Amino acid sequence: MSASLKREENSNTGIARENGGDRVERRGGTIAGRQPRAEDGGEATGDRVANSGRLGDGPRLNVLSSATPDVHEHDSGAIDDASAMDATVEPTDASASPDASALPDASASDGGPSNEAILGTLSGPRGVLRSQITAPTPSIFNNSLVFAPSERYTRAALSPGAQRIFDTPNAGGSSIESEVMSFEVLHDCEGATLAATETEIMYAPPDDGGANSITNILVSINGMRVGVSVTRIYRPAPMVLSDADVRSQHVTKLVGVNRSSQRVLPAQRWVKQILSVMVANHTVADQVLRVWPTIDAATRADTIIMMTTTRGGGFIYCNPDPALGIECPSL
């Protein structure tokens, strides 16, 4: 059986986080909470990142890791085709842009982690992102999302915000599944509410003839606007992924994140951005942690990295969509 990789449109985001909050495992809305344990990882000591390599120069980076499922049997991974990112056509009709008054009343709706069910079983930190949104430093945290064969990726299985993303055409590519699930993770863990979809975010034209980089989703967390860019780091077996591949994609995405933050119109300007990184196995997750500190501080800026390790989530990475609980087939 052959499958094609889902094509990513132009989406795009640095690293530090204080230890805190509960780790939970959520199955269909049921929460089994516990305090962080030593084996889960925790705050970086200043010279190591989650036991995955020494830090480079620049601001101190704090990393919160979470226990992730054993997915080493699927150790195939590499990157989306970055060349596809520049093919995006961004929205140009400013009349379609919601103004500040049209955004949701975040103070009334995003009061903390959600008690709604989420598709899949989500494990990782909850309610820990808020302190990082206003921090001037970059940050990274990990979670895992496991899908079961009994589950179905349908509109009815999603939260209202995710249903809106599901229903709305994006700006190109075939990455709607990763955008939907990235929102669901943020909604579940941080109580994020959807403020605007990809084609509703409005930008000023480039003033230097450069790239028209855009952001995938605008959400509200704790009453603050946050941009969310989404990327998948994946390629099917037997293809291999090098550290250089991972680093290159991250640099490309972060440059785009910084650029879209400069161009977004004032009515929708966010406090900072999150780069949601979807990976299909621990090997690639370890590579992300290893290469991230080697990226220069100006490129990392103050971006938050939310890395989600999936299992049984082939529908996020390849076409046609495999059933939930199944990875993408090998080449």
C-alpha atoms as a PDB file:
ATOM      1  CA  MET A   1       0.000   0.000   0.000  1.00  0.00           C
ATOM      2  CA  SER A   2       1.316   3.419  -0.849  1.00  0.00           C
ATOM      3  CA  ALA A   3       0.417   6.736   0.656  1.00  0.00           C
ATOM      4  CA  SER A   4       1.345  10.330   0.045  1.00  0.00           C
ATOM      5  CA  LEU A   5       2.406  12.794   2.689  1.00  0.00           C
ATOM      6  CA  LYS A   6      -0.037  15.498   3.590  1.00  0.00           C
ATOM      7  CA  ARG A   7       1.179  18.776   2.138  1.00  0.00           C
ATOM      8  CA  GLU A   8       1.727  21.630   4.537  1.00  0.00           C
ATOM      9  CA  GLU A   9       0.820  25.182   3.749  1.00  0.00           C
ATOM     10  CA  ASN A  10       2.799  28.133   5.017  1.00  0.00           C
ATOM     11  CA  SER A  11       2.673  27.851   8.792  1.00  0.00           C
ATOM     12  CA  ASN A  12       5.364  28.711  11.206  1.00  0.00           C
ATOM     13  CA  THR A  13       7.738  29.548  15.940  1.00  0.00           C
ATOM     14  CA  GLY A  14      11.877  29.243  21.131  1.00  0.00           C
ATOM     15  CA  ILE A  15      12.266  27.558  24.469  1.00  0.00           C
ATOM     16  CA  ALA A  16      11.957  27.792  28.372  1.00  0.00           C
ATOM     17  CA  ARG A  17       9.390  26.685  30.860  1.00  0.00           C
ATOM     18  CA  GLU A  18       9.139  26.512  34.579  1.00  0.00           C
ATOM     19  CA  ASN A  19       8.201  23.231  36.200  1.00  0.00           C
ATOM     20  CA  GLY A  20       4.683  23.265  37.564  1.00  0.00           C
ATOM     21  CA  GLY A  21       1.131  22.063  37.069  1.00  0.00           C
ATOM     22  CA  ASP A  22      -0.267  18.568  37.070  1.00  0.00           C
ATOM     23  CA  ARG A  23       0.443  15.927  34.514  1.00  0.00           C
ATOM     24  CA  VAL A  24      -2.660  14.094  33.505  1.00  0.00           C
ATOM     25  CA  GLU A  25      -3.848  11.366  31.252  1.00  0.00           C
ATOM     26  CA  ARG A  26      -7.188  12.092  29.670  1.00  0.00           C
ATOM     27  CA  ARG A  27      -9.355   9.440  28.059  1.00  0.00           C
ATOM     28  CA  GLY A  28     -12.690  10.601  26.707  1.00  0.00           C
ATOM     29  CA  GLY A  29     -12.944  13.373  29.258  1.00  0.00           C
ATOM     30  CA  THR A  30     -11.759  11.337  32.280  1.00  0.00           C
ATOM     31  CA  ILE A  31      -8.779  12.861  34.077  1.00  0.00           C
ATOM     32  CA  ALA A  32      -6.309  10.882  36.144  1.00  0.00           C
ATOM     33  CA  GLY A  33      -4.091  13.614  37.554  1.00  0.00           C
ATOM     34  CA  ARG A  34      -0.793  13.327  39.381  1.00  0.00           C
ATOM     35  CA  GLN A  35       2.107  15.519  40.296  1.00  0.00           C
ATOM     36  CA  PRO A  36       5.249  15.423  38.121  1.00  0.00           C
ATOM     37  CA  ARG A  37       7.682  12.638  38.875  1.00  0.00           C
ATOM     38  CA  ALA A  38      11.438  12.598  38.509  1.00  0.00           C
ATOM     39  CA  GLU A  39      11.310  10.048  35.702  1.00  0.00           C
ATOM     40  CA  ASP A  40       9.140  12.395  33.671  1.00  0.00           C
ATOM     41  CA  GLY A  41      11.843  15.001  33.390  1.00  0.00           C
ATOM     42  CA  GLY A  42      11.472  18.523  34.670  1.00  0.00           C
ATOM     43  CA  GLU A  43      13.086  21.893  34.736  1.00  0.00           C
ATOM     44  CA  ALA A  44      16.391  22.026  32.936  1.00  0.00           C
ATOM     45  CA  THR A  45      19.421  22.481  35.147  1.00  0.00           C
ATOM     46  CA  GLY A  46      20.893  25.091  32.845  1.00  0.00           C
ATOM     47  CA  ASP A  47      23.294  22.767  31.081  1.00  0.00           C
ATOM     48  CA  ARG A  48      21.057  19.996  29.764  1.00  0.00           C
ATOM     49  CA  VAL A  49      17.736  19.782  27.975  1.00  0.00           C
ATOM     50  CA  ALA A  50      15.699  16.772  29.086  1.00  0.00           C
ATOM     51  CA  ASN A  51      18.871  14.655  28.982  1.00  0.00           C
ATOM     52  CA  SER A  52      19.030  15.275  25.251  1.00  0.00           C
ATOM     53  CA  GLY A  53      22.168  17.342  24.776  1.00  0.00           C
ATOM     54  CA  ARG A  54      23.933  20.389  26.088  1.00  0.00           C
ATOM     55  CA  LEU A  55      22.585  23.855  25.653  1.00  0.00           C
ATOM     56  CA  GLY A  56      24.220  26.329  23.338  1.00  0.00           C
ATOM     57  CA  ASP A  57      24.776  30.010  23.951  1.00  0.00           C
ATOM     58  CA  GLY A  58      21.843  32.321  24.559  1.00  0.00           C
ATOM     59  CA  PRO A  59      19.143  32.618  27.209  1.00  0.00           C
ATOM     60  CA  ARG A  60      18.633  29.824  29.678  1.00  0.00           C
ATOM     61  CA  LEU A  61      16.174  27.291  28.303  1.00  0.00           C
ATOM     62  CA  ASN A  62      13.784  25.431  30.594  1.00  0.00           C
ATOM     63  CA  VAL A  63      12.111  22.290  29.278  1.00  0.00           C
ATOM     64  CA  LEU A  64       9.156  20.381  30.651  1.00  0.00           C
ATOM     65  CA  SER A  65       8.977  16.803  29.407  1.00  0.00           C
ATOM     66  CA  SER A  66       6.177  14.336  29.850  1.00  0.00           C
ATOM     67  CA  ALA A  67       6.117  10.590  29.713  1.00  0.00           C
ATOM     68  CA  THR A  68       5.235   9.592  26.171  1.00  0.00           C
ATOM     69  CA  PRO A  69       4.016   6.245  24.830  1.00  0.00           C
ATOM     70  CA  ASP A  70       6.483   3.729  23.500  1.00  0.00           C
ATOM     71  CA  VAL A  71       6.296   4.173  19.766  1.00  0.00           C
ATOM     72  CA  HIS A  72       9.756   2.993  18.826  1.00  0.00           C
ATOM     73  CA  GLU A  73       8.266   0.335  16.568  1.00  0.00           C
ATOM     74  CA  HIS A  74       7.415   3.225  14.229  1.00  0.00           C
ATOM     75  CA  ASP A  75      10.843   4.805  14.046  1.00  0.00           C
ATOM     76  CA  SER A  76      10.407   6.379  10.658  1.00  0.00           C
ATOM     77  CA  GLY A  77      10.485  10.095  10.489  1.00  0.00           C
ATOM     78  CA  ALA A  78      11.452  13.090   8.498  1.00  0.00           C
ATOM     79  CA  ILE A  79      10.090  16.383   7.488  1.00  0.00           C
ATOM     80  CA  ASP A  80       7.264  17.855   5.509  1.00  0.00           C
ATOM     81  CA  ASP A  81       8.314  19.336   2.222  1.00  0.00           C
ATOM     82  CA  ALA A  82       9.299  22.835   3.302  1.00  0.00           C
ATOM     83  CA  SER A  83       9.185  24.043  -0.281  1.00  0.00           C
ATOM     84  CA  ALA A  84       5.411  23.751  -0.156  1.00  0.00           C
ATOM     85  CA  MET A  85       5.196  26.480   2.445  1.00  0.00           C
ATOM     86  CA  ASP A  86       5.840  29.366   0.116  1.00  0.00           C
ATOM     87  CA  ALA A  87       2.962  28.364  -2.164  1.00  0.00           C
ATOM     88  CA  THR A  88       0.336  29.670   0.223  1.00  0.00           C
ATOM     89  CA  VAL A  89      -2.074  32.352  -0.929  1.00  0.00           C
ATOM     90  CA  GLU A  90      -2.895  34.528   2.057  1.00  0.00           C
ATOM     91  CA  PRO A  91      -6.237  36.268   2.624  1.00  0.00           C
ATOM     92  CA  THR A  92      -6.394  39.789   1.266  1.00  0.00           C
ATOM     93  CA  ASP A  93      -9.946  40.972   1.928  1.00  0.00           C
ATOM     94  CA  ALA A  94      -9.610  43.090   5.045  1.00  0.00           C
ATOM     95  CA  SER A  95     -13.398  43.336   5.268  1.00  0.00           C
ATOM     96  CA  ALA A  96     -13.473  39.665   6.219  1.00  0.00           C
ATOM     97  CA  SER A  97     -11.243  40.235   9.224  1.00  0.00           C
ATOM     98  CA  PRO A  98     -12.882  40.201  12.630  1.00  0.00           C
ATOM     99  CA  ASP A  99     -11.953  43.323  14.556  1.00  0.00           C
ATOM    100  CA  ALA A 100     -10.903  43.299  18.177  1.00  0.00           C
ATOM    101  CA  SER A 101     -14.466  43.653  19.419  1.00  0.00           C
ATOM    102  CA  ALA A 102     -15.522  40.585  17.415  1.00  0.00           C
ATOM    103  CA  LEU A 103     -13.083  38.277  19.161  1.00  0.00           C
ATOM    104  CA  PRO A 104     -14.444  35.969  21.867  1.00  0.00           C
ATOM    105  CA  ASP A 105     -14.622  37.266  25.425  1.00  0.00           C
ATOM    106  CA  ALA A 106     -11.687  35.207  26.588  1.00  0.00           C
ATOM    107  CA  SER A 107     -12.146  36.175  30.210  1.00  0.00           C
ATOM    108  CA  ALA A 108     -15.489  34.404  30.161  1.00  0.00           C
ATOM    109  CA  SER A 109     -14.549  31.373  28.107  1.00  0.00           C
ATOM    110  CA  ASP A 110     -10.918  30.356  28.585  1.00  0.00           C
ATOM    111  CA  GLY A 111     -10.840  29.908  32.334  1.00  0.00           C
ATOM    112  CA  GLY A 112      -8.431  26.945  32.423  1.00  0.00           C
ATOM    113  CA  PRO A 113      -7.971  23.392  31.173  1.00  0.00           C
ATOM    114  CA  SER A 114     -11.078  21.961  29.563  1.00  0.00           C
ATOM    115  CA  ASN A 115     -13.245  19.250  31.103  1.00  0.00           C
ATOM    116  CA  GLU A 116     -14.523  18.205  27.672  1.00  0.00           C
ATOM    117  CA  ALA A 117     -13.558  14.926  26.075  1.00  0.00           C
ATOM    118  CA  ILE A 118     -10.729  14.941  23.540  1.00  0.00           C
ATOM    119  CA  LEU A 119     -10.282  12.569  20.631  1.00  0.00           C
ATOM    120  CA  GLY A 120      -7.478  10.232  21.659  1.00  0.00           C
ATOM    121  CA  THR A 121      -5.738   9.815  25.012  1.00  0.00           C
ATOM    122  CA  LEU A 122      -3.724  12.918  25.896  1.00  0.00           C
ATOM    123  CA  SER A 123      -0.912  12.783  28.473  1.00  0.00           C
ATOM    124  CA  GLY A 124       1.233  15.701  29.584  1.00  0.00           C
ATOM    125  CA  PRO A 125       1.294  19.026  31.426  1.00  0.00           C
ATOM    126  CA  ARG A 126      -1.909  21.040  31.816  1.00  0.00           C
ATOM    127  CA  GLY A 127      -2.389  24.680  32.716  1.00  0.00           C
ATOM    128  CA  VAL A 128       1.320  25.481  32.518  1.00  0.00           C
ATOM    129  CA  LEU A 129       1.406  27.603  29.376  1.00  0.00           C
ATOM    130  CA  ARG A 130      -0.112  30.764  30.801  1.00  0.00           C
ATOM    131  CA  SER A 131       3.001  31.878  32.666  1.00  0.00           C
ATOM    132  CA  GLN A 132       5.003  31.535  29.457  1.00  0.00           C
ATOM    133  CA  ILE A 133       2.752  33.639  27.241  1.00  0.00           C
ATOM    134  CA  THR A 134       4.053  36.915  28.651  1.00  0.00           C
ATOM    135  CA  ALA A 135       7.612  35.682  29.256  1.00  0.00           C
ATOM    136  CA  PRO A 136      10.300  37.302  27.059  1.00  0.00           C
ATOM    137  CA  THR A 137      12.078  33.955  26.634  1.00  0.00           C
ATOM    138  CA  PRO A 138      11.326  30.964  24.386  1.00  0.00           C
ATOM    139  CA  SER A 139       9.952  27.727  25.868  1.00  0.00           C
ATOM    140  CA  ILE A 140       9.183  24.109  25.026  1.00  0.00           C
ATOM    141  CA  PHE A 141       6.938  21.454  26.499  1.00  0.00           C
ATOM    142  CA  ASN A 142       5.959  17.926  25.472  1.00  0.00           C
ATOM    143  CA  ASN A 143       2.814  15.860  25.483  1.00  0.00           C
ATOM    144  CA  SER A 144       1.610  12.639  23.874  1.00  0.00           C
ATOM    145  CA  LEU A 145      -1.580  11.778  22.047  1.00  0.00           C
ATOM    146  CA  VAL A 146      -2.556   8.130  21.466  1.00  0.00           C
ATOM    147  CA  PHE A 147      -5.418   7.118  19.176  1.00  0.00           C
ATOM    148  CA  ALA A 148      -7.324   3.834  19.452  1.00  0.00           C
ATOM    149  CA  PRO A 149      -8.839   1.751  16.635  1.00  0.00           C
ATOM    150  CA  SER A 150     -12.261   2.191  18.226  1.00  0.00           C
ATOM    151  CA  GLU A 151     -12.123   5.980  17.725  1.00  0.00           C
ATOM    152  CA  ARG A 152     -13.161   7.898  14.624  1.00  0.00           C
ATOM    153  CA  TYR A 153     -11.937  11.239  13.303  1.00  0.00           C
ATOM    154  CA  THR A 154     -15.313  12.841  12.689  1.00  0.00           C
ATOM    155  CA  ARG A 155     -16.710  16.312  13.178  1.00  0.00           C
ATOM    156  CA  ALA A 156     -18.939  15.113  16.000  1.00  0.00           C
ATOM    157  CA  ALA A 157     -15.889  13.945  17.978  1.00  0.00           C
ATOM    158  CA  LEU A 158     -14.419  17.459  18.104  1.00  0.00           C
ATOM    159  CA  SER A 159     -14.876  20.540  20.286  1.00  0.00           C
ATOM    160  CA  PRO A 160     -16.835  23.503  18.836  1.00  0.00           C
ATOM    161  CA  GLY A 161     -13.611  25.406  18.014  1.00  0.00           C
ATOM    162  CA  ALA A 162     -12.103  22.375  16.295  1.00  0.00           C
ATOM    163  CA  GLN A 163     -15.347  21.835  14.392  1.00  0.00           C
ATOM    164  CA  ARG A 164     -15.024  25.352  13.018  1.00  0.00           C
ATOM    165  CA  ILE A 165     -11.470  24.643  11.839  1.00  0.00           C
ATOM    166  CA  PHE A 166     -12.707  21.320  10.419  1.00  0.00           C
ATOM    167  CA  ASP A 167     -15.416  23.147   8.440  1.00  0.00           C
ATOM    168  CA  THR A 168     -13.299  26.059   7.179  1.00  0.00           C
ATOM    169  CA  PRO A 169     -10.992  25.721   4.149  1.00  0.00           C
ATOM    170  CA  ASN A 170      -7.434  26.667   5.048  1.00  0.00           C
ATOM    171  CA  ALA A 171      -5.013  28.642   2.898  1.00  0.00           C
ATOM    172  CA  GLY A 172      -3.713  25.618   1.021  1.00  0.00           C
ATOM    173  CA  GLY A 173      -2.131  22.223   1.546  1.00  0.00           C
ATOM    174  CA  SER A 174      -3.703  19.226   3.274  1.00  0.00           C
ATOM    175  CA  SER A 175      -2.788  19.909   6.885  1.00  0.00           C
ATOM    176  CA  ILE A 176      -6.280  20.396   8.301  1.00  0.00           C
ATOM    177  CA  GLU A 177      -6.014  17.317  10.550  1.00  0.00           C
ATOM    178  CA  SER A 178      -2.858  18.572  12.250  1.00  0.00           C
ATOM    179  CA  GLU A 179      -4.388  22.023  12.730  1.00  0.00           C
ATOM    180  CA  VAL A 180      -7.557  20.520  14.225  1.00  0.00           C
ATOM    181  CA  MET A 181      -5.647  18.296  16.641  1.00  0.00           C
ATOM    182  CA  SER A 182      -3.198  21.060  17.614  1.00  0.00           C
ATOM    183  CA  PHE A 183      -6.167  23.203  18.601  1.00  0.00           C
ATOM    184  CA  GLU A 184      -7.732  20.310  20.510  1.00  0.00           C
ATOM    185  CA  VAL A 185      -4.551  19.829  22.562  1.00  0.00           C
ATOM    186  CA  LEU A 186      -4.433  23.543  23.419  1.00  0.00           C
ATOM    187  CA  HIS A 187      -8.149  23.594  24.191  1.00  0.00           C
ATOM    188  CA  ASP A 188      -7.853  20.566  26.461  1.00  0.00           C
ATOM    189  CA  CYS A 189      -4.636  21.558  28.262  1.00  0.00           C
ATOM    190  CA  GLU A 190      -4.975  25.340  28.411  1.00  0.00           C
ATOM    191  CA  GLY A 191      -8.648  26.123  27.831  1.00  0.00           C
ATOM    192  CA  ALA A 192      -7.816  27.832  24.525  1.00  0.00           C
ATOM    193  CA  THR A 193     -10.745  29.222  22.567  1.00  0.00           C
ATOM    194  CA  LEU A 194     -10.717  29.843  18.834  1.00  0.00           C
ATOM    195  CA  ALA A 195     -10.548  33.524  17.848  1.00  0.00           C
ATOM    196  CA  ALA A 196      -9.875  33.221  14.098  1.00  0.00           C
ATOM    197  CA  THR A 197      -9.134  30.559  11.535  1.00  0.00           C
ATOM    198  CA  GLU A 198      -6.240  30.771   9.097  1.00  0.00           C
ATOM    199  CA  THR A 199      -8.077  32.692   6.392  1.00  0.00           C
ATOM    200  CA  GLU A 200      -9.590  35.129   8.903  1.00  0.00           C
ATOM    201  CA  ILE A 201      -6.229  36.420  10.149  1.00  0.00           C
ATOM    202  CA  MET A 202      -5.282  39.594   8.308  1.00  0.00           C
ATOM    203  CA  TYR A 203      -1.818  40.953   7.526  1.00  0.00           C
ATOM    204  CA  ALA A 204      -0.150  44.044   6.169  1.00  0.00           C
ATOM    205  CA  PRO A 205       1.562  43.522   2.787  1.00  0.00           C
ATOM    206  CA  PRO A 206       5.292  42.804   3.011  1.00  0.00           C
ATOM    207  CA  ASP A 207       7.204  46.076   2.946  1.00  0.00           C
ATOM    208  CA  ASP A 208      10.422  44.497   1.730  1.00  0.00           C
ATOM    209  CA  GLY A 209       9.343  42.101  -1.003  1.00  0.00           C
ATOM    210  CA  GLY A 210       9.894  39.157   1.362  1.00  0.00           C
ATOM    211  CA  ALA A 211       7.813  36.073   2.096  1.00  0.00           C
ATOM    212  CA  ASN A 212       4.086  36.296   2.854  1.00  0.00           C
ATOM    213  CA  SER A 213       4.400  34.032   5.891  1.00  0.00           C
ATOM    214  CA  ILE A 214       1.114  33.424   7.723  1.00  0.00           C
ATOM    215  CA  THR A 215      -0.098  31.733  10.903  1.00  0.00           C
ATOM    216  CA  ASN A 216      -2.569  28.848  11.072  1.00  0.00           C
ATOM    217  CA  ILE A 217      -4.828  29.716  14.015  1.00  0.00           C
ATOM    218  CA  LEU A 218      -5.508  32.618  16.384  1.00  0.00           C
ATOM    219  CA  VAL A 219      -6.600  31.523  19.853  1.00  0.00           C
ATOM    220  CA  SER A 220      -7.321  33.156  23.192  1.00  0.00           C
ATOM    221  CA  ILE A 221      -5.637  31.788  26.328  1.00  0.00           C
ATOM    222  CA  ASN A 222      -6.271  33.443  29.672  1.00  0.00           C
ATOM    223  CA  GLY A 223      -7.649  36.506  27.899  1.00  0.00           C
ATOM    224  CA  MET A 224      -4.596  36.912  25.646  1.00  0.00           C
ATOM    225  CA  ARG A 225      -4.361  36.458  21.893  1.00  0.00           C
ATOM    226  CA  VAL A 226      -1.859  33.774  20.875  1.00  0.00           C
ATOM    227  CA  GLY A 227      -0.922  32.818  17.314  1.00  0.00           C
ATOM    228  CA  VAL A 228      -0.534  29.109  16.597  1.00  0.00           C
ATOM    229  CA  SER A 229       1.523  27.735  13.716  1.00  0.00           C
ATOM    230  CA  VAL A 230       1.528  24.010  13.031  1.00  0.00           C
ATOM    231  CA  THR A 231       4.128  21.710  11.502  1.00  0.00           C
ATOM    232  CA  ARG A 232       4.625  17.954  11.190  1.00  0.00           C
ATOM    233  CA  ILE A 233       8.088  16.400  11.243  1.00  0.00           C
ATOM    234  CA  TYR A 234       7.622  13.112   9.482  1.00  0.00           C
ATOM    235  CA  ARG A 235       8.549  10.866   6.600  1.00  0.00           C
ATOM    236  CA  PRO A 236       7.566   7.207   6.218  1.00  0.00           C
ATOM    237  CA  ALA A 237       9.956   4.284   6.603  1.00  0.00           C
ATOM    238  CA  PRO A 238      12.443   3.422   5.255  1.00  0.00           C
ATOM    239  CA  MET A 239      13.310   7.104   4.813  1.00  0.00           C
ATOM    240  CA  VAL A 240      15.482   8.548   7.556  1.00  0.00           C
ATOM    241  CA  LEU A 241      15.545  11.909   9.240  1.00  0.00           C
ATOM    242  CA  SER A 242      18.799  13.641  10.134  1.00  0.00           C
ATOM    243  CA  ASP A 243      19.348  16.242  12.822  1.00  0.00           C
ATOM    244  CA  ALA A 244      20.140  18.665  10.013  1.00  0.00           C
ATOM    245  CA  ASP A 245      16.692  18.029   8.507  1.00  0.00           C
ATOM    246  CA  VAL A 246      14.966  18.726  11.807  1.00  0.00           C
ATOM    247  CA  ARG A 247      16.997  21.863  12.405  1.00  0.00           C
ATOM    248  CA  SER A 248      16.384  23.174   8.899  1.00  0.00           C
ATOM    249  CA  GLN A 249      12.615  22.811   9.210  1.00  0.00           C
ATOM    250  CA  HIS A 250      12.599  24.487  12.598  1.00  0.00           C
ATOM    251  CA  VAL A 251      14.637  27.430  11.357  1.00  0.00           C
ATOM    252  CA  THR A 252      12.320  27.830   8.354  1.00  0.00           C
ATOM    253  CA  LYS A 253       9.237  27.707  10.574  1.00  0.00           C
ATOM    254  CA  LEU A 254      10.638  30.092  13.172  1.00  0.00           C
ATOM    255  CA  VAL A 255      11.614  32.635  10.536  1.00  0.00           C
ATOM    256  CA  GLY A 256       8.035  32.453   9.240  1.00  0.00           C
ATOM    257  CA  VAL A 257       6.614  32.794  12.743  1.00  0.00           C
ATOM    258  CA  ASN A 258       8.650  35.922  13.390  1.00  0.00           C
ATOM    259  CA  ARG A 259       7.643  37.385  10.059  1.00  0.00           C
ATOM    260  CA  SER A 260       3.919  36.754  10.453  1.00  0.00           C
ATOM    261  CA  SER A 261       4.092  38.303  13.930  1.00  0.00           C
ATOM    262  CA  GLN A 262       5.504  41.456  12.358  1.00  0.00           C
ATOM    263  CA  ARG A 263       2.827  41.594   9.635  1.00  0.00           C
ATOM    264  CA  VAL A 264      -0.421  40.784  11.489  1.00  0.00           C
ATOM    265  CA  LEU A 265      -2.770  43.764  11.665  1.00  0.00           C
ATOM    266  CA  PRO A 266      -3.129  45.552  15.033  1.00  0.00           C
ATOM    267  CA  ALA A 267      -6.745  44.435  15.605  1.00  0.00           C
ATOM    268  CA  GLN A 268      -5.583  40.819  15.772  1.00  0.00           C
ATOM    269  CA  ARG A 269      -2.029  41.225  17.074  1.00  0.00           C
ATOM    270  CA  TRP A 270      -1.046  38.404  19.397  1.00  0.00           C
ATOM    271  CA  VAL A 271       1.120  38.469  22.517  1.00  0.00           C
ATOM    272  CA  LYS A 272       3.349  35.727  21.126  1.00  0.00           C
ATOM    273  CA  GLN A 273       3.173  32.549  19.061  1.00  0.00           C
ATOM    274  CA  ILE A 274       3.139  28.822  19.691  1.00  0.00           C
ATOM    275  CA  LEU A 275       4.705  26.446  17.193  1.00  0.00           C
ATOM    276  CA  SER A 276       2.816  23.161  17.455  1.00  0.00           C
ATOM    277  CA  VAL A 277       5.153  20.365  16.341  1.00  0.00           C
ATOM    278  CA  MET A 278       3.630  16.966  15.581  1.00  0.00           C
ATOM    279  CA  VAL A 279       5.973  13.955  15.555  1.00  0.00           C
ATOM    280  CA  ALA A 280       5.139  10.255  15.189  1.00  0.00           C
ATOM    281  CA  ASN A 281       7.823   8.666  17.368  1.00  0.00           C
ATOM    282  CA  HIS A 282      10.270   9.205  20.224  1.00  0.00           C
ATOM    283  CA  THR A 283      13.295   9.250  17.946  1.00  0.00           C
ATOM    284  CA  VAL A 284      12.150  12.421  16.219  1.00  0.00           C
ATOM    285  CA  ALA A 285      11.008  13.940  19.523  1.00  0.00           C
ATOM    286  CA  ASP A 286      14.525  13.431  20.882  1.00  0.00           C
ATOM    287  CA  GLN A 287      15.977  15.046  17.772  1.00  0.00           C
ATOM    288  CA  VAL A 288      13.783  18.108  18.266  1.00  0.00           C
ATOM    289  CA  LEU A 289      15.049  18.500  21.830  1.00  0.00           C
ATOM    290  CA  ARG A 290      18.628  17.962  20.687  1.00  0.00           C
ATOM    291  CA  VAL A 291      18.721  20.483  17.836  1.00  0.00           C
ATOM    292  CA  TRP A 292      16.541  23.193  19.296  1.00  0.00           C
ATOM    293  CA  PRO A 293      19.194  24.766  21.527  1.00  0.00           C
ATOM    294  CA  THR A 294      21.552  25.033  18.542  1.00  0.00           C
ATOM    295  CA  ILE A 295      19.283  27.551  16.811  1.00  0.00           C
ATOM    296  CA  ASP A 296      20.331  31.153  17.350  1.00  0.00           C
ATOM    297  CA  ALA A 297      18.475  33.213  19.943  1.00  0.00           C
ATOM    298  CA  ALA A 298      17.183  35.776  17.445  1.00  0.00           C
ATOM    299  CA  THR A 299      15.426  33.046  15.453  1.00  0.00           C
ATOM    300  CA  ARG A 300      14.025  31.310  18.554  1.00  0.00           C
ATOM    301  CA  ALA A 301      12.842  34.726  19.780  1.00  0.00           C
ATOM    302  CA  ASP A 302      10.149  34.188  22.436  1.00  0.00           C
ATOM    303  CA  THR A 303       8.245  31.394  20.665  1.00  0.00           C
ATOM    304  CA  ILE A 304       6.706  28.539  22.644  1.00  0.00           C
ATOM    305  CA  ILE A 305       7.184  25.036  21.225  1.00  0.00           C
ATOM    306  CA  MET A 306       4.398  22.562  21.930  1.00  0.00           C
ATOM    307  CA  MET A 307       5.620  19.148  20.777  1.00  0.00           C
ATOM    308  CA  THR A 308       3.057  16.349  20.537  1.00  0.00           C
ATOM    309  CA  THR A 309       4.233  12.768  20.035  1.00  0.00           C
ATOM    310  CA  THR A 310       1.444  10.755  18.454  1.00  0.00           C
ATOM    311  CA  ARG A 311       0.778   7.035  18.271  1.00  0.00           C
ATOM    312  CA  GLY A 312      -1.774   5.552  15.933  1.00  0.00           C
ATOM    313  CA  GLY A 313      -2.141   8.973  14.333  1.00  0.00           C
ATOM    314  CA  GLY A 314      -1.258   8.254  10.725  1.00  0.00           C
ATOM    315  CA  PHE A 315      -4.253  10.316   9.595  1.00  0.00           C
ATOM    316  CA  ILE A 316      -2.316  13.429  10.658  1.00  0.00           C
ATOM    317  CA  TYR A 317       0.624  12.717   8.348  1.00  0.00           C
ATOM    318  CA  CYS A 318      -0.465  10.912   5.158  1.00  0.00           C
ATOM    319  CA  ASN A 319      -3.195  10.495   2.559  1.00  0.00           C
ATOM    320  CA  PRO A 320      -5.465   8.656   2.284  1.00  0.00           C
ATOM    321  CA  ASP A 321      -6.228   8.835   6.001  1.00  0.00           C
ATOM    322  CA  PRO A 322      -5.496   5.538   7.769  1.00  0.00           C
ATOM    323  CA  ALA A 323      -7.975   4.468  10.435  1.00  0.00           C
ATOM    324  CA  LEU A 324      -7.214   5.772  13.905  1.00  0.00           C
ATOM    325  CA  GLY A 325      -4.807   3.548  15.779  1.00  0.00           C
ATOM    326  CA  ILE A 326      -2.825   2.956  12.557  1.00  0.00           C
ATOM    327  CA  GLU A 327       0.421   4.573  11.438  1.00  0.00           C
ATOM    328  CA  CYS A 328       1.178   5.591   7.842  1.00  0.00           C
ATOM    329  CA  PRO A 329       2.303   2.613   5.713  1.00  0.00           C
ATOM    330  CA  SER A 330       5.960   2.236   4.748  1.00  0.00           C
ATOM    331  CA  LEU A 331       7.022   3.127   1.226  1.00  0.00           C
END
